Amino acid sequence: LQSVAFVRNERAWLEARLRCLPGVEPIPSDANFISVRM
């Protein structure tokens, strides 16, 4: 349960910060990884 909650919250945090990088487009994900188009 801790793992599911941790990944959900950290994934949202990481995706938001990736969007601030120039030339980067993170793809919303249901898993414990994020793909990024550049």
PDB file of all heavy atoms in Angstrom:
ATOM      1  N   LEU A   1       0.828  -1.205   0.000  1.00  0.00           N
ATOM      2  CA  LEU A   1       0.000   0.000   0.000  1.00  0.00           C
ATOM      3  C   LEU A   1       0.865   1.259   0.000  1.00  0.00           C
ATOM      4  O   LEU A   1       0.569   2.234  -0.699  1.00  0.00           O
ATOM      5  CB  LEU A   1      -0.926  -0.007   1.220  1.00  0.00           C
ATOM      6  CG  LEU A   1      -2.032  -1.073   1.214  1.00  0.00           C
ATOM      7  CD1 LEU A   1      -2.751  -1.108   2.556  1.00  0.00           C
ATOM      8  CD2 LEU A   1      -3.022  -0.808   0.087  1.00  0.00           C
ATOM      9  N   GLN A   2       1.929   1.252   0.790  1.00  0.00           N
ATOM     10  CA  GLN A   2       2.843   2.391   0.815  1.00  0.00           C
ATOM     11  C   GLN A   2       3.477   2.612  -0.556  1.00  0.00           C
ATOM     12  O   GLN A   2       3.656   3.754  -0.998  1.00  0.00           O
ATOM     13  CB  GLN A   2       3.927   2.159   1.864  1.00  0.00           C
ATOM     14  CG  GLN A   2       3.428   2.179   3.300  1.00  0.00           C
ATOM     15  CD  GLN A   2       4.473   1.669   4.278  1.00  0.00           C
ATOM     16  OE1 GLN A   2       5.638   1.469   3.924  1.00  0.00           O
ATOM     17  NE2 GLN A   2       4.063   1.451   5.522  1.00  0.00           N
ATOM     18  N   SER A   3       3.799   1.516  -1.232  1.00  0.00           N
ATOM     19  CA  SER A   3       4.452   1.618  -2.539  1.00  0.00           C
ATOM     20  C   SER A   3       3.530   2.247  -3.573  1.00  0.00           C
ATOM     21  O   SER A   3       3.949   3.109  -4.353  1.00  0.00           O
ATOM     22  CB  SER A   3       4.894   0.226  -3.017  1.00  0.00           C
ATOM     23  OG  SER A   3       5.850  -0.336  -2.127  1.00  0.00           O
ATOM     24  N   VAL A   4       2.274   1.821  -3.595  1.00  0.00           N
ATOM     25  CA  VAL A   4       1.314   2.375  -4.552  1.00  0.00           C
ATOM     26  C   VAL A   4       1.152   3.872  -4.328  1.00  0.00           C
ATOM     27  O   VAL A   4       1.189   4.678  -5.273  1.00  0.00           O
ATOM     28  CB  VAL A   4      -0.045   1.660  -4.436  1.00  0.00           C
ATOM     29  CG1 VAL A   4      -1.096   2.370  -5.289  1.00  0.00           C
ATOM     30  CG2 VAL A   4       0.080   0.204  -4.866  1.00  0.00           C
ATOM     31  N   ALA A   5       0.973   4.274  -3.068  1.00  0.00           N
ATOM     32  CA  ALA A   5       0.781   5.691  -2.750  1.00  0.00           C
ATOM     33  C   ALA A   5       2.032   6.501  -3.071  1.00  0.00           C
ATOM     34  O   ALA A   5       1.942   7.613  -3.620  1.00  0.00           O
ATOM     35  CB  ALA A   5       0.408   5.847  -1.274  1.00  0.00           C
ATOM     36  N   PHE A   6       3.187   5.957  -2.742  1.00  0.00           N
ATOM     37  CA  PHE A   6       4.436   6.675  -2.978  1.00  0.00           C
ATOM     38  C   PHE A   6       4.646   6.924  -4.465  1.00  0.00           C
ATOM     39  O   PHE A   6       4.968   8.041  -4.881  1.00  0.00           O
ATOM     40  CB  PHE A   6       5.615   5.894  -2.399  1.00  0.00           C
ATOM     41  CG  PHE A   6       6.940   6.588  -2.571  1.00  0.00           C
ATOM     42  CD1 PHE A   6       7.414   7.441  -1.597  1.00  0.00           C
ATOM     43  CD2 PHE A   6       7.711   6.391  -3.712  1.00  0.00           C
ATOM     44  CE1 PHE A   6       8.628   8.096  -1.760  1.00  0.00           C
ATOM     45  CE2 PHE A   6       8.923   7.041  -3.885  1.00  0.00           C
ATOM     46  CZ  PHE A   6       9.380   7.897  -2.901  1.00  0.00           C
ATOM     47  N   VAL A   7       4.481   5.884  -5.259  1.00  0.00           N
ATOM     48  CA  VAL A   7       4.705   6.021  -6.702  1.00  0.00           C
ATOM     49  C   VAL A   7       3.697   6.982  -7.316  1.00  0.00           C
ATOM     50  O   VAL A   7       4.060   7.818  -8.167  1.00  0.00           O
ATOM     51  CB  VAL A   7       4.655   4.644  -7.390  1.00  0.00           C
ATOM     52  CG1 VAL A   7       4.584   4.791  -8.906  1.00  0.00           C
ATOM     53  CG2 VAL A   7       5.870   3.815  -7.004  1.00  0.00           C
ATOM     54  N   ARG A   8       2.446   6.900  -6.909  1.00  0.00           N
ATOM     55  CA  ARG A   8       1.431   7.803  -7.462  1.00  0.00           C
ATOM     56  C   ARG A   8       1.802   9.268  -7.185  1.00  0.00           C
ATOM     57  O   ARG A   8       1.770  10.117  -8.082  1.00  0.00           O
ATOM     58  CB  ARG A   8       0.069   7.489  -6.845  1.00  0.00           C
ATOM     59  CG  ARG A   8      -1.053   8.383  -7.385  1.00  0.00           C
ATOM     60  CD  ARG A   8      -2.396   8.023  -6.784  1.00  0.00           C
ATOM     61  NE  ARG A   8      -2.408   8.176  -5.328  1.00  0.00           N
ATOM     62  CZ  ARG A   8      -2.522   7.164  -4.477  1.00  0.00           C
ATOM     63  NH1 ARG A   8      -2.618   5.915  -4.909  1.00  0.00           N
ATOM     64  NH2 ARG A   8      -2.541   7.379  -3.181  1.00  0.00           N
ATOM     65  N   ASN A   9       2.195   9.572  -5.969  1.00  0.00           N
ATOM     66  CA  ASN A   9       2.512  10.951  -5.604  1.00  0.00           C
ATOM     67  C   ASN A   9       3.815  11.423  -6.242  1.00  0.00           C
ATOM     68  O   ASN A   9       3.902  12.553  -6.752  1.00  0.00           O
ATOM     69  CB  ASN A   9       2.604  11.082  -4.079  1.00  0.00           C
ATOM     70  CG  ASN A   9       1.272  10.860  -3.396  1.00  0.00           C
ATOM     71  OD1 ASN A   9       0.215  11.073  -3.989  1.00  0.00           O
ATOM     72  ND2 ASN A   9       1.301  10.398  -2.152  1.00  0.00           N
ATOM     73  N   GLU A  10       4.841  10.576  -6.220  1.00  0.00           N
ATOM     74  CA  GLU A  10       6.142  10.978  -6.762  1.00  0.00           C
ATOM     75  C   GLU A  10       6.091  11.078  -8.285  1.00  0.00           C
ATOM     76  O   GLU A  10       6.763  11.930  -8.876  1.00  0.00           O
ATOM     77  CB  GLU A  10       7.217   9.991  -6.315  1.00  0.00           C
ATOM     78  CG  GLU A  10       8.642  10.500  -6.489  1.00  0.00           C
ATOM     79  CD  GLU A  10       8.954  11.701  -5.616  1.00  0.00           C
ATOM     80  OE1 GLU A  10       8.225  11.945  -4.632  1.00  0.00           O
ATOM     81  OE2 GLU A  10       9.943  12.410  -5.925  1.00  0.00           O
ATOM     82  N   ARG A  11       5.293  10.226  -8.917  1.00  0.00           N
ATOM     83  CA  ARG A  11       5.139  10.292 -10.371  1.00  0.00           C
ATOM     84  C   ARG A  11       4.527  11.637 -10.784  1.00  0.00           C
ATOM     85  O   ARG A  11       4.987  12.282 -11.744  1.00  0.00           O
ATOM     86  CB  ARG A  11       4.262   9.142 -10.845  1.00  0.00           C
ATOM     87  CG  ARG A  11       4.071   9.072 -12.360  1.00  0.00           C
ATOM     88  CD  ARG A  11       3.219   7.866 -12.713  1.00  0.00           C
ATOM     89  NE  ARG A  11       1.898   7.931 -12.119  1.00  0.00           N
ATOM     90  CZ  ARG A  11       1.219   6.876 -11.660  1.00  0.00           C
ATOM     91  NH1 ARG A  11       1.725   5.665 -11.722  1.00  0.00           N
ATOM     92  NH2 ARG A  11       0.014   7.034 -11.134  1.00  0.00           N
ATOM     93  N   ALA A  12       3.514  12.083 -10.044  1.00  0.00           N
ATOM     94  CA  ALA A  12       2.882  13.373 -10.346  1.00  0.00           C
ATOM     95  C   ALA A  12       3.875  14.520 -10.137  1.00  0.00           C
ATOM     96  O   ALA A  12       3.931  15.461 -10.950  1.00  0.00           O
ATOM     97  CB  ALA A  12       1.649  13.566  -9.467  1.00  0.00           C
ATOM     98  N   TRP A  13       4.653  14.450  -9.061  1.00  0.00           N
ATOM     99  CA  TRP A  13       5.651  15.489  -8.785  1.00  0.00           C
ATOM    100  C   TRP A  13       6.700  15.538  -9.897  1.00  0.00           C
ATOM    101  O   TRP A  13       7.048  16.621 -10.396  1.00  0.00           O
ATOM    102  CB  TRP A  13       6.311  15.208  -7.439  1.00  0.00           C
ATOM    103  CG  TRP A  13       7.351  16.213  -7.042  1.00  0.00           C
ATOM    104  CD1 TRP A  13       7.151  17.347  -6.307  1.00  0.00           C
ATOM    105  CD2 TRP A  13       8.743  16.180  -7.364  1.00  0.00           C
ATOM    106  NE1 TRP A  13       8.345  18.031  -6.151  1.00  0.00           N
ATOM    107  CE2 TRP A  13       9.336  17.344  -6.787  1.00  0.00           C
ATOM    108  CE3 TRP A  13       9.556  15.307  -8.067  1.00  0.00           C
ATOM    109  CZ2 TRP A  13      10.694  17.625  -6.906  1.00  0.00           C
ATOM    110  CZ3 TRP A  13      10.911  15.583  -8.191  1.00  0.00           C
ATOM    111  CH2 TRP A  13      11.469  16.730  -7.622  1.00  0.00           C
ATOM    112  N   LEU A  14       7.194  14.362 -10.279  1.00  0.00           N
ATOM    113  CA  LEU A  14       8.250  14.294 -11.283  1.00  0.00           C
ATOM    114  C   LEU A  14       7.741  14.742 -12.651  1.00  0.00           C
ATOM    115  O   LEU A  14       8.430  15.471 -13.375  1.00  0.00           O
ATOM    116  CB  LEU A  14       8.793  12.868 -11.349  1.00  0.00           C
ATOM    117  CG  LEU A  14       9.948  12.596 -12.310  1.00  0.00           C
ATOM    118  CD1 LEU A  14      11.119  13.522 -12.037  1.00  0.00           C
ATOM    119  CD2 LEU A  14      10.381  11.128 -12.200  1.00  0.00           C
ATOM    120  N   GLU A  15       6.534  14.332 -13.016  1.00  0.00           N
ATOM    121  CA  GLU A  15       5.973  14.738 -14.309  1.00  0.00           C
ATOM    122  C   GLU A  15       5.828  16.254 -14.388  1.00  0.00           C
ATOM    123  O   GLU A  15       6.143  16.872 -15.414  1.00  0.00           O
ATOM    124  CB  GLU A  15       4.620  14.074 -14.531  1.00  0.00           C
ATOM    125  CG  GLU A  15       3.984  14.432 -15.862  1.00  0.00           C
ATOM    126  CD  GLU A  15       2.597  13.839 -16.033  1.00  0.00           C
ATOM    127  OE1 GLU A  15       2.322  12.769 -15.447  1.00  0.00           O
ATOM    128  OE2 GLU A  15       1.786  14.456 -16.753  1.00  0.00           O
ATOM    129  N   ALA A  16       5.377  16.869 -13.297  1.00  0.00           N
ATOM    130  CA  ALA A  16       5.203  18.321 -13.287  1.00  0.00           C
ATOM    131  C   ALA A  16       6.534  19.037 -13.483  1.00  0.00           C
ATOM    132  O   ALA A  16       6.611  20.048 -14.198  1.00  0.00           O
ATOM    133  CB  ALA A  16       4.556  18.757 -11.974  1.00  0.00           C
ATOM    134  N   ARG A  17       7.587  18.541 -12.881  1.00  0.00           N
ATOM    135  CA  ARG A  17       8.892  19.187 -13.022  1.00  0.00           C
ATOM    136  C   ARG A  17       9.526  18.923 -14.378  1.00  0.00           C
ATOM    137  O   ARG A  17      10.237  19.771 -14.913  1.00  0.00           O
ATOM    138  CB  ARG A  17       9.816  18.749 -11.896  1.00  0.00           C
ATOM    139  CG  ARG A  17       9.693  19.678 -10.693  1.00  0.00           C
ATOM    140  CD  ARG A  17       9.185  18.934  -9.476  1.00  0.00           C
ATOM    141  NE  ARG A  17       8.854  19.921  -8.430  1.00  0.00           N
ATOM    142  CZ  ARG A  17       7.595  20.136  -8.041  1.00  0.00           C
ATOM    143  NH1 ARG A  17       6.579  19.509  -8.631  1.00  0.00           N
ATOM    144  NH2 ARG A  17       7.341  20.983  -7.057  1.00  0.00           N
ATOM    145  N   LEU A  18       9.257  17.772 -14.940  1.00  0.00           N
ATOM    146  CA  LEU A  18       9.754  17.504 -16.286  1.00  0.00           C
ATOM    147  C   LEU A  18       9.142  18.471 -17.291  1.00  0.00           C
ATOM    148  O   LEU A  18       9.804  18.892 -18.254  1.00  0.00           O
ATOM    149  CB  LEU A  18       9.436  16.059 -16.679  1.00  0.00           C
ATOM    150  CG  LEU A  18      10.294  14.970 -16.032  1.00  0.00           C
ATOM    151  CD1 LEU A  18       9.662  13.602 -16.238  1.00  0.00           C
ATOM    152  CD2 LEU A  18      11.712  14.985 -16.602  1.00  0.00           C
ATOM    153  N   ARG A  19       7.898  18.850 -17.084  1.00  0.00           N
ATOM    154  CA  ARG A  19       7.227  19.761 -18.005  1.00  0.00           C
ATOM    155  C   ARG A  19       7.878  21.146 -18.001  1.00  0.00           C
ATOM    156  O   ARG A  19       7.678  21.931 -18.939  1.00  0.00           O
ATOM    157  CB  ARG A  19       5.747  19.884 -17.639  1.00  0.00           C
ATOM    158  CG  ARG A  19       4.952  18.619 -17.909  1.00  0.00           C
ATOM    159  CD  ARG A  19       3.460  18.830 -17.807  1.00  0.00           C
ATOM    160  NE  ARG A  19       2.753  17.564 -18.018  1.00  0.00           N
ATOM    161  CZ  ARG A  19       2.521  17.033 -19.192  1.00  0.00           C
ATOM    162  NH1 ARG A  19       2.921  17.672 -20.289  1.00  0.00           N
ATOM    163  NH2 ARG A  19       1.897  15.881 -19.298  1.00  0.00           N
ATOM    164  N   CYS A  20       8.646  21.435 -16.964  1.00  0.00           N
ATOM    165  CA  CYS A  20       9.318  22.735 -16.892  1.00  0.00           C
ATOM    166  C   CYS A  20      10.627  22.756 -17.664  1.00  0.00           C
ATOM    167  O   CYS A  20      11.214  23.834 -17.850  1.00  0.00           O
ATOM    168  CB  CYS A  20       9.581  23.090 -15.424  1.00  0.00           C
ATOM    169  SG  CYS A  20       8.078  23.316 -14.435  1.00  0.00           S
ATOM    170  N   LEU A  21      11.100  21.608 -18.110  1.00  0.00           N
ATOM    171  CA  LEU A  21      12.337  21.550 -18.877  1.00  0.00           C
ATOM    172  C   LEU A  21      12.056  21.960 -20.323  1.00  0.00           C
ATOM    173  O   LEU A  21      11.043  21.554 -20.899  1.00  0.00           O
ATOM    174  CB  LEU A  21      12.928  20.143 -18.844  1.00  0.00           C
ATOM    175  CG  LEU A  21      13.372  19.608 -17.480  1.00  0.00           C
ATOM    176  CD1 LEU A  21      13.818  18.151 -17.601  1.00  0.00           C
ATOM    177  CD2 LEU A  21      14.489  20.449 -16.895  1.00  0.00           C
ATOM    178  N   PRO A  22      12.943  22.723 -20.934  1.00  0.00           N
ATOM    179  CA  PRO A  22      12.708  23.137 -22.333  1.00  0.00           C
ATOM    180  C   PRO A  22      12.825  21.956 -23.295  1.00  0.00           C
ATOM    181  O   PRO A  22      13.679  21.086 -23.139  1.00  0.00           O
ATOM    182  CB  PRO A  22      13.832  24.157 -22.579  1.00  0.00           C
ATOM    183  CG  PRO A  22      14.892  23.824 -21.573  1.00  0.00           C
ATOM    184  CD  PRO A  22      14.171  23.324 -20.366  1.00  0.00           C
ATOM    185  N   GLY A  23      11.933  21.929 -24.284  1.00  0.00           N
ATOM    186  CA  GLY A  23      11.984  20.906 -25.322  1.00  0.00           C
ATOM    187  C   GLY A  23      11.558  19.529 -24.875  1.00  0.00           C
ATOM    188  O   GLY A  23      11.887  18.539 -25.525  1.00  0.00           O
ATOM    189  N   VAL A  24      10.782  19.466 -23.789  1.00  0.00           N
ATOM    190  CA  VAL A  24      10.445  18.174 -23.181  1.00  0.00           C
ATOM    191  C   VAL A  24       8.934  18.035 -23.039  1.00  0.00           C
ATOM    192  O   VAL A  24       8.248  18.985 -22.644  1.00  0.00           O
ATOM    193  CB  VAL A  24      11.121  18.050 -21.799  1.00  0.00           C
ATOM    194  CG1 VAL A  24      10.445  16.998 -20.944  1.00  0.00           C
ATOM    195  CG2 VAL A  24      12.594  17.708 -21.959  1.00  0.00           C
ATOM    196  N   GLU A  25       8.417  16.862 -23.355  1.00  0.00           N
ATOM    197  CA  GLU A  25       6.985  16.570 -23.189  1.00  0.00           C
ATOM    198  C   GLU A  25       6.809  15.207 -22.529  1.00  0.00           C
ATOM    199  O   GLU A  25       6.842  14.170 -23.195  1.00  0.00           O
ATOM    200  CB  GLU A  25       6.268  16.577 -24.539  1.00  0.00           C
ATOM    201  CG  GLU A  25       4.777  16.286 -24.425  1.00  0.00           C
ATOM    202  CD  GLU A  25       4.104  16.042 -25.765  1.00  0.00           C
ATOM    203  OE1 GLU A  25       4.779  16.223 -26.805  1.00  0.00           O
ATOM    204  OE2 GLU A  25       2.930  15.651 -25.767  1.00  0.00           O
ATOM    205  N   PRO A  26       6.602  15.162 -21.193  1.00  0.00           N
ATOM    206  CA  PRO A  26       6.357  13.879 -20.537  1.00  0.00           C
ATOM    207  C   PRO A  26       4.985  13.318 -20.895  1.00  0.00           C
ATOM    208  O   PRO A  26       4.026  14.069 -21.100  1.00  0.00           O
ATOM    209  CB  PRO A  26       6.438  14.218 -19.047  1.00  0.00           C
ATOM    210  CG  PRO A  26       6.127  15.669 -18.970  1.00  0.00           C
ATOM    211  CD  PRO A  26       6.620  16.280 -20.251  1.00  0.00           C
ATOM    212  N   ILE A  27       4.898  11.997 -20.984  1.00  0.00           N
ATOM    213  CA  ILE A  27       3.656  11.321 -21.336  1.00  0.00           C
ATOM    214  C   ILE A  27       3.004  10.792 -20.059  1.00  0.00           C
ATOM    215  O   ILE A  27       3.634  10.057 -19.300  1.00  0.00           O
ATOM    216  CB  ILE A  27       3.936  10.150 -22.300  1.00  0.00           C
ATOM    217  CG1 ILE A  27       4.600  10.672 -23.588  1.00  0.00           C
ATOM    218  CG2 ILE A  27       2.651   9.398 -22.632  1.00  0.00           C
ATOM    219  CD1 ILE A  27       5.092   9.573 -24.497  1.00  0.00           C
ATOM    220  N   PRO A  28       1.747  11.156 -19.778  1.00  0.00           N
ATOM    221  CA  PRO A  28       1.073  10.660 -18.569  1.00  0.00           C
ATOM    222  C   PRO A  28       1.110   9.134 -18.501  1.00  0.00           C
ATOM    223  O   PRO A  28       0.908   8.448 -19.501  1.00  0.00           O
ATOM    224  CB  PRO A  28      -0.361  11.185 -18.725  1.00  0.00           C
ATOM    225  CG  PRO A  28      -0.224  12.392 -19.594  1.00  0.00           C
ATOM    226  CD  PRO A  28       0.887  12.069 -20.559  1.00  0.00           C
ATOM    227  N   SER A  29       1.373   8.618 -17.302  1.00  0.00           N
ATOM    228  CA  SER A  29       1.605   7.183 -17.140  1.00  0.00           C
ATOM    229  C   SER A  29       0.828   6.634 -15.961  1.00  0.00           C
ATOM    230  O   SER A  29       0.621   7.321 -14.951  1.00  0.00           O
ATOM    231  CB  SER A  29       3.108   6.938 -16.933  1.00  0.00           C
ATOM    232  OG  SER A  29       3.377   5.608 -16.544  1.00  0.00           O
ATOM    233  N   ASP A  30       0.407   5.366 -16.072  1.00  0.00           N
ATOM    234  CA  ASP A  30      -0.213   4.642 -14.964  1.00  0.00           C
ATOM    235  C   ASP A  30       0.791   3.769 -14.221  1.00  0.00           C
ATOM    236  O   ASP A  30       0.427   3.124 -13.236  1.00  0.00           O
ATOM    237  CB  ASP A  30      -1.347   3.737 -15.476  1.00  0.00           C
ATOM    238  CG  ASP A  30      -2.543   4.526 -15.979  1.00  0.00           C
ATOM    239  OD1 ASP A  30      -2.833   5.587 -15.397  1.00  0.00           O
ATOM    240  OD2 ASP A  30      -3.184   4.077 -16.946  1.00  0.00           O
ATOM    241  N   ALA A  31       2.029   3.729 -14.699  1.00  0.00           N
ATOM    242  CA  ALA A  31       3.022   2.809 -14.149  1.00  0.00           C
ATOM    243  C   ALA A  31       4.041   3.564 -13.291  1.00  0.00           C
ATOM    244  O   ALA A  31       3.841   4.730 -12.936  1.00  0.00           O
ATOM    245  CB  ALA A  31       3.718   2.059 -15.287  1.00  0.00           C
ATOM    246  N   ASN A  32       5.134   2.920 -12.958  1.00  0.00           N
ATOM    247  CA  ASN A  32       6.177   3.523 -12.127  1.00  0.00           C
ATOM    248  C   ASN A  32       7.302   4.097 -12.984  1.00  0.00           C
ATOM    249  O   ASN A  32       8.456   4.123 -12.567  1.00  0.00           O
ATOM    250  CB  ASN A  32       6.748   2.493 -11.147  1.00  0.00           C
ATOM    251  CG  ASN A  32       7.414   1.323 -11.846  1.00  0.00           C
ATOM    252  OD1 ASN A  32       6.964   0.893 -12.910  1.00  0.00           O
ATOM    253  ND2 ASN A  32       8.484   0.822 -11.264  1.00  0.00           N
ATOM    254  N   PHE A  33       6.946   4.529 -14.174  1.00  0.00           N
ATOM    255  CA  PHE A  33       7.907   5.162 -15.064  1.00  0.00           C
ATOM    256  C   PHE A  33       7.192   6.231 -15.891  1.00  0.00           C
ATOM    257  O   PHE A  33       5.959   6.243 -15.990  1.00  0.00           O
ATOM    258  CB  PHE A  33       8.581   4.140 -15.992  1.00  0.00           C
ATOM    259  CG  PHE A  33       7.615   3.287 -16.767  1.00  0.00           C
ATOM    260  CD1 PHE A  33       7.023   3.759 -17.932  1.00  0.00           C
ATOM    261  CD2 PHE A  33       7.288   2.010 -16.332  1.00  0.00           C
ATOM    262  CE1 PHE A  33       6.129   2.974 -18.653  1.00  0.00           C
ATOM    263  CE2 PHE A  33       6.391   1.219 -17.048  1.00  0.00           C
ATOM    264  CZ  PHE A  33       5.812   1.702 -18.208  1.00  0.00           C
ATOM    265  N   ILE A  34       7.984   7.122 -16.463  1.00  0.00           N
ATOM    266  CA  ILE A  34       7.458   8.180 -17.324  1.00  0.00           C
ATOM    267  C   ILE A  34       8.289   8.201 -18.594  1.00  0.00           C
ATOM    268  O   ILE A  34       9.520   8.184 -18.537  1.00  0.00           O
ATOM    269  CB  ILE A  34       7.537   9.560 -16.639  1.00  0.00           C
ATOM    270  CG1 ILE A  34       6.750   9.566 -15.328  1.00  0.00           C
ATOM    271  CG2 ILE A  34       7.021  10.658 -17.567  1.00  0.00           C
ATOM    272  CD1 ILE A  34       6.931  10.834 -14.512  1.00  0.00           C
ATOM    273  N   SER A  35       7.633   8.224 -19.730  1.00  0.00           N
ATOM    274  CA  SER A  35       8.325   8.412 -20.995  1.00  0.00           C
ATOM    275  C   SER A  35       8.262   9.880 -21.383  1.00  0.00           C
ATOM    276  O   SER A  35       7.271  10.566 -21.111  1.00  0.00           O
ATOM    277  CB  SER A  35       7.704   7.548 -22.096  1.00  0.00           C
ATOM    278  OG  SER A  35       8.068   6.197 -21.907  1.00  0.00           O
ATOM    279  N   VAL A  36       9.332  10.351 -22.010  1.00  0.00           N
ATOM    280  CA  VAL A  36       9.465  11.765 -22.319  1.00  0.00           C
ATOM    281  C   VAL A  36       9.839  11.932 -23.788  1.00  0.00           C
ATOM    282  O   VAL A  36      10.846  11.385 -24.249  1.00  0.00           O
ATOM    283  CB  VAL A  36      10.546  12.422 -21.432  1.00  0.00           C
ATOM    284  CG1 VAL A  36      10.698  13.899 -21.781  1.00  0.00           C
ATOM    285  CG2 VAL A  36      10.200  12.254 -19.959  1.00  0.00           C
ATOM    286  N   ARG A  37       9.017  12.688 -24.518  1.00  0.00           N
ATOM    287  CA  ARG A  37       9.359  13.068 -25.896  1.00  0.00           C
ATOM    288  C   ARG A  37      10.182  14.356 -25.851  1.00  0.00           C
ATOM    289  O   ARG A  37       9.926  15.235 -25.026  1.00  0.00           O
ATOM    290  CB  ARG A  37       8.108  13.281 -26.728  1.00  0.00           C
ATOM    291  CG  ARG A  37       7.289  12.020 -26.921  1.00  0.00           C
ATOM    292  CD  ARG A  37       6.259  12.181 -28.017  1.00  0.00           C
ATOM    293  NE  ARG A  37       5.480  10.966 -28.158  1.00  0.00           N
ATOM    294  CZ  ARG A  37       5.888   9.886 -28.815  1.00  0.00           C
ATOM    295  NH1 ARG A  37       7.080   9.890 -29.404  1.00  0.00           N
ATOM    296  NH2 ARG A  37       5.124   8.819 -28.895  1.00  0.00           N
ATOM    297  N   MET A  38      11.157  14.457 -26.762  1.00  0.00           N
ATOM    298  CA  MET A  38      12.047  15.611 -26.751  1.00  0.00           C
ATOM    299  C   MET A  38      12.263  16.112 -28.169  1.00  0.00           C
ATOM    300  O   MET A  38      12.119  15.353 -29.124  1.00  0.00           O
ATOM    301  CB  MET A  38      13.394  15.222 -26.122  1.00  0.00           C
ATOM    302  CG  MET A  38      13.263  14.624 -24.724  1.00  0.00           C
ATOM    303  SD  MET A  38      14.843  14.009 -24.119  1.00  0.00           S
ATOM    304  CE  MET A  38      15.259  12.816 -25.393  1.00  0.00           C
TER     305      MET A  38
END
